[in-house]
Amino acid sequence: MKKKIITCLLAAAMMTSVLGGCSGQSSSAAPSGSSPAPSGSQAQNSTSQAAPAETASKYQTTYGAKQFDNVTVTVELFDRSNAPDGSTITDNKWTNYCNEQMNKVGINVEYVPVPRWDEVTKMQVMVASQTAPDLTLTYTYAYAEDYFNQGGTWDLTEFIDGADQAQNMKAYLGEDVINIGRNANNQLYGIVAKRATTAKSNLFLRKDWMDKLGLSVPTTPDELYTVIDQMVHKNPDNRSDVIGAHFWNAWNTKLAFSKLVADPTQVNISLGEDVIQEYYDEGVRECYRYMNKLYNEGLMNQEYYTWAEDNFKSYIVTGALGFFEYSVNGSVDVLRGSLLKTLQENVPGADIISIPPLKNVNDGKQYSAAYAAGGLIAFCPKSADEKKVEAAMTYLDWMCTKEGGHVIYHGFEGEHYDDINGVPVVKDAEYNSKDKDWIRTDLFATGNQGYFATVDDFNICTSKEAPGYEDHVIDNYENALIGTLIHDTTYTSPSTTELIADLKLIRDEYSVSCVTCPTADFDKTYDEYKKELEQIGIQKIIDERTEYFSK
C-alpha cells in the first residue's frame, strides 16, 4: 500500500530540470560610442546606435538601431501569485516601465502569465496548440531543443550573429553563454540567460544545538551522521518532535559519495539528469544507502515523501529540523520566506548555519554542485512571424542594458539602492520586497539572480537584502562554491527528450522506495530500480552522452 501511495503522490508532478557562471568575452563589437564589455560586466547604454557595417544585416536587433512600426510581441512571464495589492503580474509598475522603454522604438509588449511551477506542462500545451507566446521561456533546455529539431521554433542565428545585431546582448551575456543555446550544427535555437553566480546548494545545520552539544562542524558523511543522531537522541532543548535530516535536494550529498566525480568525462556523462546519475554513478547507490540508514533509524520523517515545499519550510521555522540540504542561501533568502528570521521569532536563540561540502568518501576531496553558466532559455515558436521575432530579440537586447535589466532587477538609484563603489547596495529591503523584488527575477529574462559585474558584487549586494543576516548570506554563497565545482552540463542527447518522462516516473517511485525499504532489501530494491531504467532504454542515453563527451 505504501508503494502505491508513494507512486501516486510522486507521479502527479513531473520534476523539471533546472539547468544552469562565468562566461567568456563576446567577440562581437559593442554598440557605437562604447567599448566592448567583458563577460559579466554591465552592458552599454541602450540608446546607442548600431555600429556601421559594410553590409547591414537583414534584421536589426540592437535596441535603438531600428524604429519598428507598432509591432506587438507577446512575452511569457512566470506567475508566482505574489503580486501586491493594486497590481497584477501583467499590469504593474515594472511591466509598464518595460513598455514605456519599448514604445520608444515602436514595440508593444503583452505579457502572458504562466504559473511558475506548471511552466513545462503549460508550455507543452501552448506549443502543441500553436498558442505559445512569441517569446516563450523554460528552464528545460531539452524541450526547447526538441521543438527546434521538429521545426517548430525559429533559428535565431540570422537575428543575432551579424556584427551589427544584438550588440548589448553579446556584450552582457558573452559568447560562451550565448553558445549554450546552439545545437551541434551551430544553429541558435534559444537565448540563454546568464547566471550571476553558479552557486547551487547548501548543507544547513542548527548551530545552537551543535554548540549546546559541544559538536564541531562535520566534514564527512560519518561525522554528519553523528551530529544528526545526537541532535535527535540527545536534543539539548529536550524536544521529542525533532526530525534529524531532510534532503529537499541531495546535489552535494551525492557528490560526497560519487565514484566518478574526479573524472571530468565520466561525471559529465552522468550529469544529464538526476536519473542518469543514479543509474551511471555507483557511488550514488551508497548515497541512497546512507539515507536509507537515516530513515530506518528514525532520523528522517517517516512520511517525508509527502511533503510539499511549504511543509518542509514549516518544520524549519518551528524548530523541528536539525539538518537539511536546500537551494543555496535557502536559510535566509527573502524569496523563500526568510526562514531563519521566522525561526528566531518562534524559537529565540535558534540559529542555522551552512557548512562546506562534505569530503568525498572515496578520495577525501570536497566537491560542490554548481549550475552551468546559463539559466532559463527563451525561444520563438514558428507561430510568431519574422517581425515579431525581430522585435522579441530587440526586447531581449534591451534587457541586457543598464536601462533594462539593471533597472528591472535593482530598481532606481536613490529610491531602491545606493551605488557604493559600483555595487548597488539596497536602501530599504522591506520596501524593495514589496515594490519590485516580487517580480524582478521573472521579468529580467536575460539574467538569473541579478545584473552584476562579478560574483563578489552579487554576494555583497545580496547580503544587504537580508538585514541582520548579511554574514549568513556571504557564508552561504561562499560555502556553496568551496572545492572543485561540478557544473551542470547543458548537452541534451537525442534520445533524452523521447525517454526522459518515462525515466523520471521510475525515478520518482524508486527514489522513495530505496530510502524507505528495509535495510536488508536495499540492494535488491536498487537493482530493481536500475533494471526498470534499462527496460525503458536509459543505456541509449548513456551511449549518446559517452560518445559526445569522449570526443
Protein backbone atom coordinates (compact mmCIF):
# COMPACT_ATOMS: atom_id res chain seq x y z
CA MET A 1 0.00 0.00 0.00
CA LYS A 2 2.83 2.41 0.85
CA LYS A 3 4.35 1.84 -2.59
CA LYS A 4 1.04 2.58 -4.29
CA ILE A 5 0.55 5.79 -2.30
CA ILE A 6 4.09 6.92 -2.99
CA THR A 7 3.76 6.25 -6.71
CA CYS A 8 0.50 8.19 -6.96
CA LEU A 9 1.86 11.12 -4.98
CA LEU A 10 5.05 11.45 -6.94
CA ALA A 11 3.75 10.62 -10.38
CA ALA A 12 1.32 13.51 -10.06
CA ALA A 13 4.02 16.10 -10.63
CA MET A 14 6.84 15.95 -13.14
CA MET A 15 10.14 17.31 -11.96
CA THR A 16 11.64 19.92 -14.24
CA SER A 17 15.33 20.33 -14.85
CA VAL A 18 16.97 23.36 -13.51
CA LEU A 19 19.93 23.69 -15.67
CA GLY A 20 22.42 26.24 -15.20
CA GLY A 21 28.73 31.24 -14.12
CA CYS A 22 31.37 32.72 -15.62
CA SER A 23 31.29 33.41 -19.33
CA GLY A 24 33.81 34.39 -21.94
CA GLN A 25 34.02 37.77 -23.62
CA SER A 26 31.94 38.24 -26.71
CA SER A 27 33.92 38.69 -29.87
CA SER A 28 31.21 40.96 -31.29
CA ALA A 29 31.55 44.71 -31.21
CA ALA A 30 29.78 46.75 -28.58
CA PRO A 31 27.32 49.46 -29.63
CA SER A 32 28.74 52.51 -31.36
CA GLY A 33 30.18 55.04 -28.97
CA SER A 34 31.21 52.49 -26.35
CA SER A 35 33.90 49.89 -25.89
CA PRO A 36 33.27 46.13 -25.77
CA ALA A 37 32.25 44.95 -22.31
CA PRO A 38 33.96 41.92 -20.80
CA SER A 39 31.84 38.92 -19.92
CA GLY A 40 29.91 39.61 -16.76
CA SER A 41 30.24 43.39 -16.98
CA GLN A 42 27.38 45.77 -17.43
CA ALA A 43 26.18 46.27 -20.98
CA GLN A 44 26.50 49.66 -22.57
CA ASN A 45 23.96 52.45 -22.92
CA SER A 46 20.78 51.17 -24.52
CA THR A 47 20.29 54.28 -26.62
CA SER A 48 23.48 53.67 -28.63
CA GLN A 49 23.06 53.18 -32.34
CA ALA A 50 24.41 50.11 -34.10
CA ALA A 51 27.90 50.42 -35.50
CA PRO A 52 28.06 50.83 -39.28
CA ALA A 53 28.59 47.61 -41.15
CA GLU A 54 29.74 47.01 -44.73
CA THR A 55 26.56 45.01 -45.31
CA ALA A 56 23.71 45.63 -42.92
CA SER A 57 22.03 42.55 -41.52
CA LYS A 58 18.54 41.70 -42.72
CA TYR A 59 17.20 42.08 -39.17
CA GLN A 60 18.20 44.88 -36.78
CA THR A 61 18.03 43.68 -33.16
CA THR A 62 20.28 46.12 -31.32
CA TYR A 63 17.95 48.27 -29.24
CA GLY A 64 17.71 51.74 -30.81
CA ALA A 65 19.05 50.67 -34.20
CA LYS A 66 15.60 50.38 -35.77
CA GLN A 67 12.24 52.05 -35.38
CA PHE A 68 9.53 49.38 -35.55
CA ASP A 69 6.04 50.05 -36.90
CA ASN A 70 3.96 49.46 -33.76
CA VAL A 71 4.79 45.74 -33.55
CA THR A 72 3.16 43.86 -30.65
CA VAL A 73 5.11 40.94 -29.20
CA THR A 74 3.78 38.51 -26.59
CA VAL A 75 6.22 37.50 -23.83
CA GLU A 76 5.82 34.70 -21.29
CA LEU A 77 6.08 35.78 -17.65
CA PHE A 78 6.23 33.32 -14.78
CA ASP A 79 3.44 33.93 -12.28
CA ARG A 80 4.07 33.10 -8.60
CA SER A 81 0.72 34.53 -7.44
CA ASN A 82 2.56 37.08 -5.31
CA ALA A 83 1.57 40.41 -6.85
CA PRO A 84 0.99 43.10 -4.20
CA ASP A 85 -2.38 44.78 -3.73
CA GLY A 86 -3.17 47.14 -6.57
CA SER A 87 -1.05 45.27 -9.09
CA THR A 88 -1.26 42.17 -11.23
CA ILE A 89 1.53 40.11 -12.74
CA THR A 90 0.89 41.73 -16.14
CA ASP A 91 -0.09 45.25 -15.10
CA ASN A 92 2.26 46.88 -12.64
CA LYS A 93 4.97 49.49 -12.27
CA TRP A 94 7.61 47.30 -13.89
CA THR A 95 5.74 45.85 -16.85
CA ASN A 96 4.60 49.41 -17.56
CA TYR A 97 8.22 50.59 -17.40
CA CYS A 98 9.23 47.92 -19.92
CA ASN A 99 6.51 49.07 -22.30
CA GLU A 100 7.48 52.73 -21.89
CA GLN A 101 11.01 51.89 -22.98
CA MET A 102 10.00 49.54 -25.80
CA ASN A 103 7.39 52.00 -27.12
CA LYS A 104 10.31 54.36 -27.84
CA VAL A 105 11.33 52.01 -30.66
CA GLY A 106 7.81 51.10 -31.80
CA ILE A 107 7.36 47.83 -29.89
CA ASN A 108 4.45 46.93 -27.62
CA VAL A 109 4.84 44.08 -25.14
CA GLU A 110 1.94 41.95 -23.96
CA TYR A 111 2.82 39.64 -21.08
CA VAL A 112 1.35 36.16 -20.90
CA PRO A 113 1.25 34.81 -17.32
CA VAL A 114 2.14 31.16 -16.78
CA PRO A 115 2.18 29.56 -13.31
CA ARG A 116 5.85 29.08 -12.39
CA TRP A 117 5.56 25.52 -11.16
CA ASP A 118 3.42 24.39 -14.10
CA GLU A 119 5.58 26.06 -16.72
CA VAL A 120 6.62 22.87 -18.53
CA THR A 121 3.09 21.46 -18.76
CA LYS A 122 1.66 24.80 -19.87
CA MET A 123 4.48 25.29 -22.38
CA GLN A 124 3.88 21.88 -23.94
CA VAL A 125 0.17 22.59 -24.36
CA MET A 126 0.74 26.07 -25.80
CA VAL A 127 3.42 24.97 -28.25
CA ALA A 128 1.36 21.99 -29.41
CA SER A 129 -1.71 24.19 -29.97
CA GLN A 130 0.36 26.98 -31.59
CA THR A 131 -0.78 29.45 -28.92
CA ALA A 132 2.60 29.91 -27.25
CA PRO A 133 3.85 33.48 -26.69
CA ASP A 134 6.17 34.92 -29.32
CA LEU A 135 8.88 34.72 -26.67
CA THR A 136 8.49 31.52 -24.67
CA LEU A 137 10.61 30.67 -21.61
CA THR A 138 11.67 27.43 -19.95
CA TYR A 139 14.37 26.02 -17.71
CA THR A 140 14.23 22.70 -19.55
CA TYR A 141 16.65 23.01 -22.46
CA ALA A 142 15.78 19.55 -23.79
CA TYR A 143 12.27 20.69 -24.70
CA ALA A 144 13.46 23.90 -26.37
CA GLU A 145 15.96 21.98 -28.49
CA ASP A 146 13.46 19.24 -29.32
CA TYR A 147 10.89 21.79 -30.53
CA PHE A 148 13.57 23.28 -32.77
CA ASN A 149 14.61 19.90 -34.14
CA GLN A 150 10.97 19.24 -35.02
CA GLY A 151 10.83 22.50 -36.97
CA GLY A 152 8.52 24.21 -34.50
CA THR A 153 10.71 27.16 -33.49
CA TRP A 154 12.82 29.79 -35.21
CA ASP A 155 16.53 29.55 -35.88
CA LEU A 156 17.68 32.76 -34.20
CA THR A 157 21.11 32.75 -35.85
CA GLU A 158 20.14 35.27 -38.53
CA PHE A 159 18.72 37.61 -35.86
CA ILE A 160 21.76 37.56 -33.56
CA ASP A 161 25.02 36.63 -35.26
CA GLY A 162 25.52 39.62 -37.57
CA ALA A 163 28.20 42.08 -36.46
CA ASP A 164 25.58 44.84 -36.13
CA GLN A 165 22.99 42.69 -34.36
CA ALA A 166 22.09 42.30 -30.67
CA GLN A 167 25.19 44.16 -29.55
CA ASN A 168 24.02 44.78 -25.98
CA MET A 169 23.13 41.10 -25.65
CA LYS A 170 26.55 40.00 -26.86
CA ALA A 171 28.30 42.44 -24.53
CA TYR A 172 26.33 41.33 -21.45
CA LEU A 173 25.85 37.61 -21.98
CA GLY A 174 29.18 36.87 -23.62
CA GLU A 175 29.92 34.33 -26.32
CA ASP A 176 30.12 31.32 -24.00
CA VAL A 177 26.62 31.85 -22.59
CA ILE A 178 25.08 32.59 -25.99
CA ASN A 179 26.64 29.40 -27.39
CA ILE A 180 24.81 27.28 -24.81
CA GLY A 181 21.71 27.88 -26.93
CA ARG A 182 23.30 26.42 -30.07
CA ASN A 183 22.95 22.87 -31.34
CA ALA A 184 25.64 20.69 -32.89
CA ASN A 185 25.13 22.46 -36.24
CA ASN A 186 25.78 25.87 -34.65
CA GLN A 187 22.15 26.89 -35.06
CA LEU A 188 20.87 29.17 -32.29
CA TYR A 189 17.61 27.68 -31.04
CA GLY A 190 17.29 29.85 -27.92
CA ILE A 191 18.74 32.74 -25.92
CA VAL A 192 20.12 31.61 -22.57
CA ALA A 193 20.09 33.87 -19.52
CA LYS A 194 23.38 34.40 -17.69
CA ARG A 195 23.68 33.40 -14.06
CA ALA A 196 25.16 35.96 -11.68
CA THR A 197 26.59 33.06 -9.68
CA THR A 198 26.75 29.33 -10.25
CA ALA A 199 26.30 28.59 -6.52
CA LYS A 200 23.61 25.93 -6.26
CA SER A 201 23.20 24.13 -2.93
CA ASN A 202 23.92 24.34 0.78
CA LEU A 203 24.07 21.91 3.68
CA PHE A 204 22.38 23.55 6.69
CA LEU A 205 22.62 22.71 10.42
CA ARG A 206 21.12 24.01 13.68
CA LYS A 207 24.19 25.75 15.10
CA ASP A 208 22.65 26.40 18.52
CA TRP A 209 22.09 22.66 19.04
CA MET A 210 25.62 21.88 17.90
CA ASP A 211 27.02 24.43 20.34
CA LYS A 212 25.00 23.09 23.28
CA LEU A 213 26.09 19.53 22.46
CA GLY A 214 29.74 20.56 22.03
CA LEU A 215 29.80 19.32 18.43
CA SER A 216 32.16 20.53 15.72
CA VAL A 217 31.16 21.21 12.12
CA PRO A 218 31.09 17.80 10.39
CA THR A 219 33.43 17.28 7.45
CA THR A 220 32.48 13.75 6.35
CA PRO A 221 29.19 11.84 5.95
CA ASP A 222 30.01 9.75 9.04
CA GLU A 223 30.60 12.86 11.13
CA LEU A 224 27.34 14.33 9.84
CA TYR A 225 25.51 11.15 10.86
CA THR A 226 26.85 11.53 14.41
CA VAL A 227 25.69 15.15 14.59
CA ILE A 228 22.21 14.27 13.31
CA ASP A 229 21.92 11.32 15.69
CA GLN A 230 22.84 13.41 18.74
CA MET A 231 20.50 16.25 17.75
CA VAL A 232 17.65 13.76 17.80
CA HIS A 233 18.54 11.46 20.71
CA LYS A 234 20.29 13.98 22.97
CA ASN A 235 18.36 17.05 21.97
CA PRO A 236 19.58 19.92 24.16
CA ASP A 237 16.14 21.55 24.19
CA ASN A 238 14.52 18.27 25.24
CA ARG A 239 12.30 18.27 22.16
CA SER A 240 10.66 14.98 21.31
CA ASP A 241 9.49 16.06 17.85
CA VAL A 242 12.93 16.55 16.26
CA ILE A 243 13.43 15.48 12.65
CA GLY A 244 17.11 14.79 12.18
CA ALA A 245 17.51 15.24 8.43
CA HIS A 246 15.70 16.14 5.25
CA PHE A 247 17.06 16.30 1.72
CA TRP A 248 14.98 18.77 -0.29
CA ASN A 249 17.68 18.18 -2.86
CA ALA A 250 20.75 15.98 -2.49
CA TRP A 251 23.09 17.52 -5.03
CA ASN A 252 26.09 17.97 -2.74
CA THR A 253 25.34 14.88 -0.69
CA LYS A 254 25.52 12.73 -3.83
CA LEU A 255 28.89 14.24 -4.72
CA ALA A 256 30.22 13.19 -1.30
CA PHE A 257 29.63 9.57 -2.35
CA SER A 258 30.26 9.77 -6.11
CA LYS A 259 32.80 7.38 -7.59
CA LEU A 260 33.08 9.36 -10.83
CA VAL A 261 33.38 12.93 -9.60
CA ALA A 262 37.16 13.17 -10.07
CA ASP A 263 36.92 12.18 -13.76
CA PRO A 264 35.55 15.11 -15.82
CA THR A 265 34.45 12.97 -18.74
CA GLN A 266 32.68 10.39 -16.60
CA VAL A 267 30.98 12.94 -14.39
CA ASN A 268 29.73 14.86 -17.43
CA ILE A 269 28.25 11.67 -18.84
CA SER A 270 26.36 11.15 -15.58
CA LEU A 271 25.03 14.67 -15.08
CA GLY A 272 22.39 14.97 -17.78
CA GLU A 273 19.55 14.36 -15.30
CA ASP A 274 19.34 13.06 -11.73
CA VAL A 275 18.05 9.76 -13.04
CA ILE A 276 21.09 9.33 -15.30
CA GLN A 277 23.46 10.00 -12.40
CA GLU A 278 21.63 7.49 -10.22
CA TYR A 279 21.97 4.80 -12.86
CA TYR A 280 25.50 5.52 -14.08
CA ASP A 281 27.39 6.52 -10.92
CA GLU A 282 27.57 3.58 -8.50
CA GLY A 283 28.58 6.00 -5.76
CA VAL A 284 25.04 7.35 -5.75
CA ARG A 285 23.87 3.92 -4.63
CA GLU A 286 25.94 4.48 -1.48
CA CYS A 287 24.34 7.89 -1.02
CA TYR A 288 20.92 6.25 -1.05
CA ARG A 289 22.18 3.59 1.36
CA TYR A 290 23.20 6.42 3.69
CA MET A 291 19.74 7.98 3.52
CA ASN A 292 18.17 4.55 3.97
CA LYS A 293 20.15 4.20 7.19
CA LEU A 294 18.96 7.58 8.44
CA TYR A 295 15.36 6.69 7.60
CA ASN A 296 15.38 3.26 9.21
CA GLU A 297 16.98 4.63 12.36
CA GLY A 298 14.22 7.21 12.74
CA LEU A 299 16.40 10.18 11.82
CA MET A 300 14.15 11.23 8.93
CA ASN A 301 10.41 11.87 8.93
CA GLN A 302 8.70 8.60 8.07
CA GLU A 303 6.41 10.29 5.54
CA TYR A 304 8.88 12.88 4.20
CA TYR A 305 7.94 11.91 0.62
CA THR A 306 4.51 13.50 1.06
CA TRP A 307 5.94 16.91 1.91
CA ALA A 308 5.36 19.90 -0.32
CA GLU A 309 7.89 22.71 -0.01
CA ASP A 310 5.67 24.59 2.43
CA ASN A 311 5.57 21.53 4.72
CA PHE A 312 9.36 21.33 4.62
CA LYS A 313 9.68 25.01 5.48
CA SER A 314 7.21 24.70 8.33
CA TYR A 315 9.44 22.17 10.10
CA ILE A 316 12.37 24.55 9.76
CA VAL A 317 10.62 27.62 11.16
CA THR A 318 9.04 25.73 14.05
CA GLY A 319 12.46 24.45 15.10
CA ALA A 320 11.90 20.75 14.47
CA LEU A 321 14.52 20.14 11.77
CA GLY A 322 18.21 19.64 12.58
CA PHE A 323 19.87 19.21 9.17
CA PHE A 324 18.73 19.82 5.62
CA GLU A 325 20.13 20.26 2.14
CA TYR A 326 18.38 23.01 0.23
CA SER A 327 18.91 25.58 -2.51
CA VAL A 328 21.79 27.98 -1.95
CA ASN A 329 21.05 30.65 0.68
CA GLY A 330 17.71 29.00 1.36
CA SER A 331 18.03 29.66 5.09
CA VAL A 332 17.74 33.45 4.84
CA ASP A 333 16.59 34.14 1.27
CA VAL A 334 13.69 36.60 1.43
CA LEU A 335 12.06 34.98 -1.60
CA ARG A 336 11.99 31.65 0.27
CA GLY A 337 10.40 33.19 3.31
CA SER A 338 13.35 34.40 5.45
CA LEU A 339 13.26 31.05 7.24
CA LEU A 340 15.91 31.76 9.87
CA LYS A 341 14.31 35.08 10.79
CA THR A 342 10.95 33.35 11.31
CA LEU A 343 12.60 30.52 13.26
CA GLN A 344 14.22 33.02 15.63
CA GLU A 345 10.86 34.71 16.17
CA ASN A 346 9.40 31.34 17.13
CA VAL A 347 12.42 29.93 18.95
CA PRO A 348 14.61 32.67 20.46
CA GLY A 349 18.29 31.79 20.37
CA ALA A 350 17.97 29.35 17.47
CA ASP A 351 20.46 29.62 14.61
CA ILE A 352 21.07 27.90 11.30
CA ILE A 353 24.40 27.87 9.50
CA SER A 354 25.59 26.44 6.22
CA ILE A 355 28.68 24.25 6.18
CA PRO A 356 31.25 23.48 3.46
CA PRO A 357 30.65 20.42 1.27
CA LEU A 358 31.48 17.07 2.88
CA LYS A 359 34.64 15.26 1.89
CA ASN A 360 34.12 12.59 -0.72
CA VAL A 361 34.25 9.11 0.84
CA ASN A 362 36.48 7.83 -1.97
CA ASP A 363 39.20 10.47 -2.34
CA GLY A 364 38.72 12.80 0.65
CA LYS A 365 38.29 15.89 -1.54
CA GLN A 366 35.46 18.44 -1.50
CA TYR A 367 33.12 18.91 -4.44
CA SER A 368 30.30 21.41 -4.86
CA ALA A 369 27.41 21.07 -7.25
CA ALA A 370 27.16 24.19 -9.40
CA TYR A 371 24.85 25.50 -12.04
CA ALA A 372 26.08 25.92 -15.59
CA ALA A 373 26.71 29.43 -16.86
CA GLY A 374 23.16 29.67 -18.18
CA GLY A 375 19.78 29.88 -16.51
CA LEU A 376 16.46 29.85 -18.34
CA ILE A 377 16.24 29.77 -22.15
CA ALA A 378 13.95 31.86 -24.36
CA PHE A 379 12.83 30.73 -27.82
CA CYS A 380 10.40 31.82 -30.53
CA PRO A 381 7.74 29.41 -31.84
CA LYS A 382 7.05 29.40 -35.57
CA SER A 383 3.58 30.79 -34.78
CA ALA A 384 5.38 34.15 -34.48
CA ASP A 385 6.19 35.90 -37.77
CA GLU A 386 9.63 37.29 -38.51
CA LYS A 387 8.68 40.85 -37.48
CA LYS A 388 7.66 39.61 -34.06
CA VAL A 389 10.85 37.54 -33.71
CA GLU A 390 12.93 40.58 -34.64
CA ALA A 391 11.05 42.64 -32.04
CA ALA A 392 11.40 39.89 -29.41
CA MET A 393 15.17 39.77 -29.91
CA THR A 394 15.30 43.57 -29.63
CA TYR A 395 13.40 43.28 -26.34
CA LEU A 396 15.98 40.79 -25.03
CA ASP A 397 18.79 43.05 -26.25
CA TRP A 398 17.29 45.92 -24.25
CA MET A 399 17.07 43.65 -21.19
CA CYS A 400 20.88 43.42 -21.37
CA THR A 401 21.34 47.19 -20.85
CA LYS A 402 21.59 49.22 -17.66
CA GLU A 403 18.29 50.90 -18.53
CA GLY A 404 16.78 47.45 -18.99
CA GLY A 405 17.87 44.52 -16.85
CA HIS A 406 19.76 46.59 -14.29
CA VAL A 407 16.71 48.75 -13.56
CA ILE A 408 14.32 45.78 -13.59
CA TYR A 409 16.45 43.90 -11.07
CA HIS A 410 17.91 46.66 -8.89
CA GLY A 411 15.40 49.45 -9.35
CA PHE A 412 16.30 53.13 -9.45
CA GLU A 413 19.33 54.65 -7.77
CA GLY A 414 18.31 56.76 -4.80
CA GLU A 415 14.95 55.04 -4.47
CA HIS A 416 15.89 51.37 -4.26
CA TYR A 417 19.67 51.38 -3.90
CA ASP A 418 22.78 53.47 -3.43
CA ASP A 419 25.74 52.98 -5.70
CA ILE A 420 28.75 52.20 -3.48
CA ASN A 421 31.96 51.63 -5.42
CA GLY A 422 29.98 50.44 -8.41
CA VAL A 423 27.88 47.97 -6.41
CA PRO A 424 24.12 48.60 -5.99
CA VAL A 425 23.52 48.39 -2.24
CA VAL A 426 19.91 48.09 -1.09
CA LYS A 427 18.50 51.10 0.77
CA ASP A 428 15.35 49.54 2.26
CA ALA A 429 14.97 45.78 1.84
CA GLU A 430 11.38 45.77 3.10
CA TYR A 431 10.34 48.48 0.64
CA ASN A 432 12.11 46.74 -2.24
CA SER A 433 10.49 43.44 -1.39
CA LYS A 434 7.03 44.93 -1.80
CA ASP A 435 7.82 47.28 -4.65
CA LYS A 436 9.94 45.24 -7.09
CA ASP A 437 11.54 42.07 -5.71
CA TRP A 438 8.36 40.04 -6.17
CA ILE A 439 8.67 40.30 -9.98
CA ARG A 440 12.27 41.18 -10.75
CA THR A 441 13.71 37.68 -11.18
CA ASP A 442 10.99 36.60 -13.61
CA LEU A 443 10.78 39.82 -15.61
CA PHE A 444 14.57 40.01 -16.10
CA ALA A 445 14.69 37.41 -18.87
CA THR A 446 18.41 37.56 -19.73
CA GLY A 447 19.81 37.17 -16.24
CA ASN A 448 19.34 34.72 -13.41
CA GLN A 449 19.83 36.11 -9.90
CA GLY A 450 20.64 39.60 -10.99
CA TYR A 451 22.55 42.06 -13.14
CA PHE A 452 26.09 42.11 -11.72
CA ALA A 453 29.67 42.63 -12.84
CA THR A 454 31.23 39.97 -10.58
CA VAL A 455 30.27 37.18 -8.20
CA ASP A 456 31.66 39.22 -5.29
CA ASP A 457 29.39 42.12 -6.24
CA PHE A 458 26.48 39.72 -6.27
CA ASN A 459 27.36 38.39 -2.81
CA ILE A 460 27.73 41.87 -1.30
CA CYS A 461 24.52 43.19 -2.83
CA THR A 462 22.50 40.09 -1.99
CA SER A 463 23.65 40.16 1.62
CA LYS A 464 22.15 43.64 2.02
CA GLU A 465 18.74 42.24 1.09
CA ALA A 466 18.66 40.30 4.37
CA PRO A 467 19.31 42.94 7.07
CA GLY A 468 20.81 41.39 10.17
CA TYR A 469 21.80 38.25 8.29
CA GLU A 470 24.47 39.65 6.00
CA ASP A 471 27.14 37.26 7.32
CA HIS A 472 24.85 34.28 6.80
CA VAL A 473 24.33 35.26 3.17
CA ILE A 474 28.03 35.68 2.47
CA ASP A 475 28.85 32.38 4.19
CA ASN A 476 26.09 30.57 2.31
CA TYR A 477 27.30 31.65 -1.11
CA GLU A 478 30.96 31.12 -0.28
CA ASN A 479 30.34 27.65 1.19
CA ALA A 480 28.40 26.71 -1.94
CA LEU A 481 31.49 27.28 -4.08
CA ILE A 482 34.14 25.51 -1.99
CA GLY A 483 36.26 22.76 -3.51
CA THR A 484 36.04 21.52 -7.08
CA LEU A 485 32.93 22.84 -8.79
CA ILE A 486 30.88 20.26 -10.67
CA HIS A 487 28.87 22.33 -13.12
CA ASP A 488 25.65 21.09 -14.63
CA THR A 489 26.01 20.12 -18.27
CA THR A 490 23.92 21.75 -20.98
CA TYR A 491 24.17 18.96 -23.57
CA THR A 492 20.97 17.03 -24.24
CA SER A 493 21.42 13.73 -26.06
CA PRO A 494 18.99 12.97 -28.94
CA SER A 495 17.13 10.22 -27.07
CA THR A 496 16.69 12.20 -23.86
CA THR A 497 13.58 14.09 -24.94
CA GLU A 498 11.94 10.85 -26.06
CA LEU A 499 12.70 8.86 -22.92
CA ILE A 500 13.10 11.28 -20.03
CA ALA A 501 9.44 11.49 -18.97
CA ASP A 502 9.17 7.72 -18.50
CA LEU A 503 12.57 7.55 -16.83
CA LYS A 504 11.54 10.21 -14.34
CA LEU A 505 8.37 8.35 -13.43
CA ILE A 506 10.50 5.36 -12.47
CA ARG A 507 12.91 7.64 -10.64
CA ASP A 508 10.11 9.27 -8.67
CA GLU A 509 8.96 5.89 -7.39
CA TYR A 510 12.31 4.32 -6.62
CA SER A 511 13.95 7.42 -5.14
CA VAL A 512 11.47 6.91 -2.32
CA SER A 513 11.49 3.11 -2.27
CA CYS A 514 15.28 2.99 -1.97
CA VAL A 515 15.18 5.25 1.08
CA THR A 516 12.19 3.68 2.82
CA CYS A 517 12.73 -0.04 2.16
CA PRO A 518 14.03 -2.31 4.97
CA THR A 519 17.82 -2.23 5.21
CA ALA A 520 18.06 -5.88 4.17
CA ASP A 521 16.16 -5.13 0.96
CA PHE A 522 18.17 -2.11 -0.09
CA ASP A 523 20.46 -3.63 -2.73
CA LYS A 524 17.62 -5.70 -4.19
CA THR A 525 15.49 -2.56 -4.45
CA TYR A 526 18.27 -0.51 -6.05
CA ASP A 527 18.97 -3.30 -8.54
CA GLU A 528 15.26 -3.36 -9.45
CA TYR A 529 15.46 0.41 -9.98
CA LYS A 530 18.32 0.06 -12.44
CA LYS A 531 16.63 -2.79 -14.31
CA GLU A 532 13.47 -0.73 -14.73
CA LEU A 533 15.55 2.11 -16.19
CA GLU A 534 17.27 -0.31 -18.56
CA GLN A 535 13.95 -1.59 -19.83
CA ILE A 536 12.90 1.94 -20.76
CA GLY A 537 16.18 2.48 -22.64
CA ILE A 538 18.46 4.55 -20.43
CA GLN A 539 21.53 2.85 -21.91
CA LYS A 540 20.80 4.58 -25.22
CA ILE A 541 21.16 7.95 -23.50
CA ILE A 542 24.34 6.79 -21.76
CA ASP A 543 25.82 5.70 -25.10
CA GLU A 544 24.98 9.03 -26.72
CA ARG A 545 26.43 11.02 -23.83
CA THR A 546 29.52 8.82 -23.80
CA GLU A 547 30.12 9.46 -27.49
CA TYR A 548 29.59 13.21 -27.08
CA PHE A 549 31.81 13.73 -24.01
CA SER A 550 34.51 11.34 -25.16
CA LYS A 551 35.26 13.40 -28.26
